[in-house]
Amino acid sequence: MDLFNNVVGHTVGSNANIFVSNLELSNTIFNILSKGGLVYLSPINYNDPDFWDDPSTPEPLDGNHGIISSTQLIPTNQ
């Protein structure tokens, strides 16, 4: 999800004229978001005890972050 959305933002930024204002850029991204051009994850299980950290590994904050087998990428207009 983050990589996909980042590519959209980078593409908009790299295609913009250097004189485009921050307001124009943010309006462009908002229009993309409104039309479903970005994505989010759903459903997320916020109650999972391993949400932030997987206790079976020494790595901190390597939990599943609520991603479950039914989690999907959903367009932002849905």
N, C-alpha and C. Protein backbone atom coordinates (compact mmCIF):
# COMPACT_ATOMS: atom_id res chain seq x y z
N MET A 1 0.83 -1.17 0.00
CA MET A 1 0.00 0.00 0.00
C MET A 1 0.88 1.25 0.00
N ASP A 2 1.83 1.32 0.92
CA ASP A 2 2.68 2.51 1.00
C ASP A 2 3.49 2.70 -0.27
N LEU A 3 4.06 1.61 -0.78
CA LEU A 3 4.87 1.72 -2.00
C LEU A 3 4.02 2.20 -3.17
N PHE A 4 2.82 1.66 -3.30
CA PHE A 4 1.93 2.07 -4.38
C PHE A 4 1.61 3.56 -4.27
N ASN A 5 1.17 3.98 -3.08
CA ASN A 5 0.80 5.38 -2.88
C ASN A 5 2.01 6.31 -3.05
N ASN A 6 3.19 5.85 -2.62
CA ASN A 6 4.40 6.66 -2.81
C ASN A 6 4.72 6.86 -4.29
N VAL A 7 4.55 5.82 -5.09
CA VAL A 7 4.80 5.94 -6.53
C VAL A 7 3.88 6.99 -7.14
N VAL A 8 2.62 6.98 -6.73
CA VAL A 8 1.67 7.97 -7.24
C VAL A 8 2.17 9.38 -6.89
N GLY A 9 2.56 9.59 -5.65
CA GLY A 9 3.04 10.90 -5.22
C GLY A 9 4.30 11.32 -5.93
N HIS A 10 5.23 10.38 -6.08
CA HIS A 10 6.48 10.70 -6.79
C HIS A 10 6.21 11.04 -8.24
N THR A 11 5.29 10.32 -8.85
CA THR A 11 4.95 10.58 -10.25
C THR A 11 4.35 11.97 -10.41
N VAL A 12 3.43 12.31 -9.54
CA VAL A 12 2.82 13.65 -9.60
C VAL A 12 3.90 14.72 -9.40
N GLY A 13 4.75 14.52 -8.41
CA GLY A 13 5.79 15.49 -8.13
C GLY A 13 6.80 15.64 -9.25
N SER A 14 7.19 14.52 -9.85
CA SER A 14 8.20 14.60 -10.91
C SER A 14 7.63 15.13 -12.22
N ASN A 15 6.33 15.02 -12.41
CA ASN A 15 5.71 15.54 -13.63
C ASN A 15 5.28 17.00 -13.48
N ALA A 16 5.38 17.54 -12.27
CA ALA A 16 4.93 18.91 -12.02
C ALA A 16 5.98 19.91 -12.48
N ASN A 17 5.51 21.02 -12.92
CA ASN A 17 6.36 22.16 -13.24
C ASN A 17 7.00 22.65 -11.95
N ILE A 18 8.24 23.10 -11.99
CA ILE A 18 8.91 23.54 -10.76
C ILE A 18 8.25 24.75 -10.12
N PHE A 19 7.39 25.43 -10.85
CA PHE A 19 6.71 26.61 -10.32
C PHE A 19 5.32 26.30 -9.78
N VAL A 20 4.94 25.02 -9.73
CA VAL A 20 3.63 24.63 -9.19
C VAL A 20 3.66 24.83 -7.68
N SER A 21 2.62 25.39 -7.14
CA SER A 21 2.57 25.65 -5.70
C SER A 21 2.25 24.37 -4.93
N ASN A 22 2.55 24.40 -3.64
CA ASN A 22 2.20 23.28 -2.77
C ASN A 22 0.70 23.06 -2.76
N LEU A 23 -0.07 24.15 -2.81
CA LEU A 23 -1.53 24.02 -2.83
C LEU A 23 -1.99 23.28 -4.09
N GLU A 24 -1.42 23.61 -5.23
CA GLU A 24 -1.78 22.91 -6.47
C GLU A 24 -1.41 21.43 -6.40
N LEU A 25 -0.23 21.14 -5.86
CA LEU A 25 0.18 19.74 -5.71
C LEU A 25 -0.77 19.00 -4.77
N SER A 26 -1.10 19.61 -3.64
CA SER A 26 -1.99 18.93 -2.70
C SER A 26 -3.39 18.76 -3.28
N ASN A 27 -3.86 19.72 -4.06
CA ASN A 27 -5.16 19.56 -4.72
C ASN A 27 -5.13 18.43 -5.74
N THR A 28 -4.02 18.29 -6.45
CA THR A 28 -3.88 17.19 -7.42
C THR A 28 -3.95 15.85 -6.71
N ILE A 29 -3.21 15.72 -5.61
CA ILE A 29 -3.21 14.46 -4.85
C ILE A 29 -4.59 14.21 -4.25
N PHE A 30 -5.24 15.24 -3.75
CA PHE A 30 -6.59 15.07 -3.19
C PHE A 30 -7.56 14.58 -4.26
N ASN A 31 -7.46 15.11 -5.46
CA ASN A 31 -8.32 14.64 -6.56
C ASN A 31 -8.05 13.18 -6.90
N ILE A 32 -6.78 12.78 -6.89
CA ILE A 32 -6.43 11.38 -7.14
C ILE A 32 -7.03 10.50 -6.05
N LEU A 33 -6.88 10.93 -4.80
CA LEU A 33 -7.44 10.18 -3.67
C LEU A 33 -8.95 10.05 -3.81
N SER A 34 -9.63 11.15 -4.14
CA SER A 34 -11.09 11.16 -4.25
C SER A 34 -11.61 10.25 -5.36
N LYS A 35 -10.81 10.08 -6.40
CA LYS A 35 -11.22 9.24 -7.54
C LYS A 35 -10.77 7.79 -7.40
N GLY A 36 -10.16 7.44 -6.25
CA GLY A 36 -9.76 6.05 -6.03
C GLY A 36 -8.39 5.70 -6.56
N GLY A 37 -7.56 6.69 -6.79
CA GLY A 37 -6.23 6.45 -7.34
C GLY A 37 -5.19 6.05 -6.32
N LEU A 38 -5.55 6.09 -5.03
CA LEU A 38 -4.68 5.61 -3.96
C LEU A 38 -5.37 4.41 -3.31
N VAL A 39 -4.65 3.70 -2.46
CA VAL A 39 -5.22 2.49 -1.84
C VAL A 39 -4.97 2.49 -0.34
N TYR A 40 -5.81 1.72 0.38
CA TYR A 40 -5.63 1.47 1.80
C TYR A 40 -5.88 0.00 2.07
N LEU A 41 -5.48 -0.47 3.25
CA LEU A 41 -5.66 -1.87 3.64
C LEU A 41 -6.92 -2.02 4.48
N SER A 42 -7.70 -3.06 4.18
CA SER A 42 -8.90 -3.35 4.96
C SER A 42 -9.29 -4.81 4.76
N PRO A 43 -9.76 -5.51 5.76
CA PRO A 43 -9.85 -5.10 7.15
C PRO A 43 -8.51 -5.22 7.87
N ILE A 44 -8.38 -4.49 8.96
CA ILE A 44 -7.22 -4.54 9.84
C ILE A 44 -7.71 -5.00 11.21
N ASN A 45 -7.03 -6.00 11.78
CA ASN A 45 -7.39 -6.50 13.11
C ASN A 45 -6.55 -5.76 14.16
N TYR A 46 -7.10 -4.68 14.68
CA TYR A 46 -6.39 -3.87 15.67
C TYR A 46 -6.28 -4.54 17.03
N ASN A 47 -7.04 -5.61 17.25
CA ASN A 47 -7.03 -6.29 18.55
C ASN A 47 -6.05 -7.45 18.61
N ASP A 48 -5.35 -7.74 17.53
CA ASP A 48 -4.38 -8.83 17.51
C ASP A 48 -3.27 -8.55 18.52
N PRO A 49 -2.98 -9.49 19.43
CA PRO A 49 -1.91 -9.24 20.42
C PRO A 49 -0.53 -9.08 19.77
N ASP A 50 -0.36 -9.56 18.55
CA ASP A 50 0.91 -9.42 17.84
C ASP A 50 0.90 -8.23 16.89
N PHE A 51 -0.01 -7.27 17.12
CA PHE A 51 -0.14 -6.13 16.22
C PHE A 51 1.19 -5.40 16.05
N TRP A 52 1.85 -5.03 17.16
CA TRP A 52 3.10 -4.27 17.07
C TRP A 52 4.33 -5.15 17.06
N ASP A 53 4.30 -6.27 17.76
CA ASP A 53 5.52 -7.05 17.92
C ASP A 53 5.23 -8.54 17.89
N ASP A 54 6.06 -9.27 17.17
CA ASP A 54 5.98 -10.73 17.14
C ASP A 54 6.86 -11.25 18.27
N PRO A 55 6.26 -11.83 19.33
CA PRO A 55 7.05 -12.25 20.48
C PRO A 55 7.98 -13.43 20.18
N SER A 56 7.81 -14.09 19.04
CA SER A 56 8.66 -15.24 18.73
C SER A 56 9.98 -14.84 18.08
N THR A 57 10.22 -13.55 17.88
CA THR A 57 11.48 -13.08 17.27
C THR A 57 12.11 -12.02 18.17
N PRO A 58 13.42 -11.85 18.06
CA PRO A 58 14.08 -10.79 18.85
C PRO A 58 13.93 -9.40 18.23
N GLU A 59 13.47 -9.33 16.98
CA GLU A 59 13.33 -8.06 16.27
C GLU A 59 12.18 -7.25 16.87
N PRO A 60 12.44 -5.99 17.26
CA PRO A 60 11.35 -5.18 17.82
C PRO A 60 10.38 -4.70 16.73
N LEU A 61 9.14 -4.55 17.11
CA LEU A 61 8.10 -3.97 16.25
C LEU A 61 7.96 -4.68 14.90
N ASP A 62 8.07 -6.00 14.92
CA ASP A 62 7.94 -6.78 13.67
C ASP A 62 6.63 -7.56 13.62
N GLY A 63 5.62 -7.03 14.26
CA GLY A 63 4.32 -7.71 14.30
C GLY A 63 3.62 -7.70 12.96
N ASN A 64 2.42 -8.22 12.96
CA ASN A 64 1.65 -8.32 11.71
C ASN A 64 0.89 -7.05 11.38
N HIS A 65 0.88 -6.08 12.32
CA HIS A 65 0.22 -4.79 12.13
C HIS A 65 -1.24 -4.93 11.72
N GLY A 66 -1.84 -6.03 12.16
CA GLY A 66 -3.25 -6.25 11.93
C GLY A 66 -3.61 -6.84 10.59
N ILE A 67 -2.60 -7.12 9.77
CA ILE A 67 -2.87 -7.71 8.45
C ILE A 67 -3.23 -9.17 8.64
N ILE A 68 -4.39 -9.55 8.11
CA ILE A 68 -4.88 -10.92 8.22
C ILE A 68 -5.11 -11.47 6.81
N SER A 69 -5.49 -12.72 6.73
CA SER A 69 -5.62 -13.37 5.42
C SER A 69 -6.67 -12.71 4.52
N SER A 70 -7.64 -12.04 5.11
CA SER A 70 -8.67 -11.39 4.29
C SER A 70 -8.37 -9.91 4.00
N THR A 71 -7.24 -9.39 4.48
CA THR A 71 -6.88 -8.00 4.22
C THR A 71 -6.59 -7.80 2.74
N GLN A 72 -7.16 -6.74 2.18
CA GLN A 72 -6.99 -6.43 0.76
C GLN A 72 -6.65 -4.96 0.57
N LEU A 73 -6.09 -4.66 -0.60
CA LEU A 73 -5.89 -3.27 -1.00
C LEU A 73 -7.21 -2.75 -1.54
N ILE A 74 -7.69 -1.65 -0.99
CA ILE A 74 -8.98 -1.08 -1.37
C ILE A 74 -8.75 0.31 -1.97
N PRO A 75 -9.31 0.61 -3.14
CA PRO A 75 -9.18 1.98 -3.68
C PRO A 75 -9.82 2.99 -2.73
N THR A 76 -9.23 4.17 -2.67
CA THR A 76 -9.66 5.19 -1.72
C THR A 76 -11.05 5.75 -1.99
N ASN A 77 -11.67 5.43 -3.09
CA ASN A 77 -13.03 5.91 -3.33
C ASN A 77 -14.07 4.86 -2.93
N GLN A 78 -13.65 3.85 -2.22
CA GLN A 78 -14.57 2.79 -1.76
C GLN A 78 -14.59 2.73 -0.25
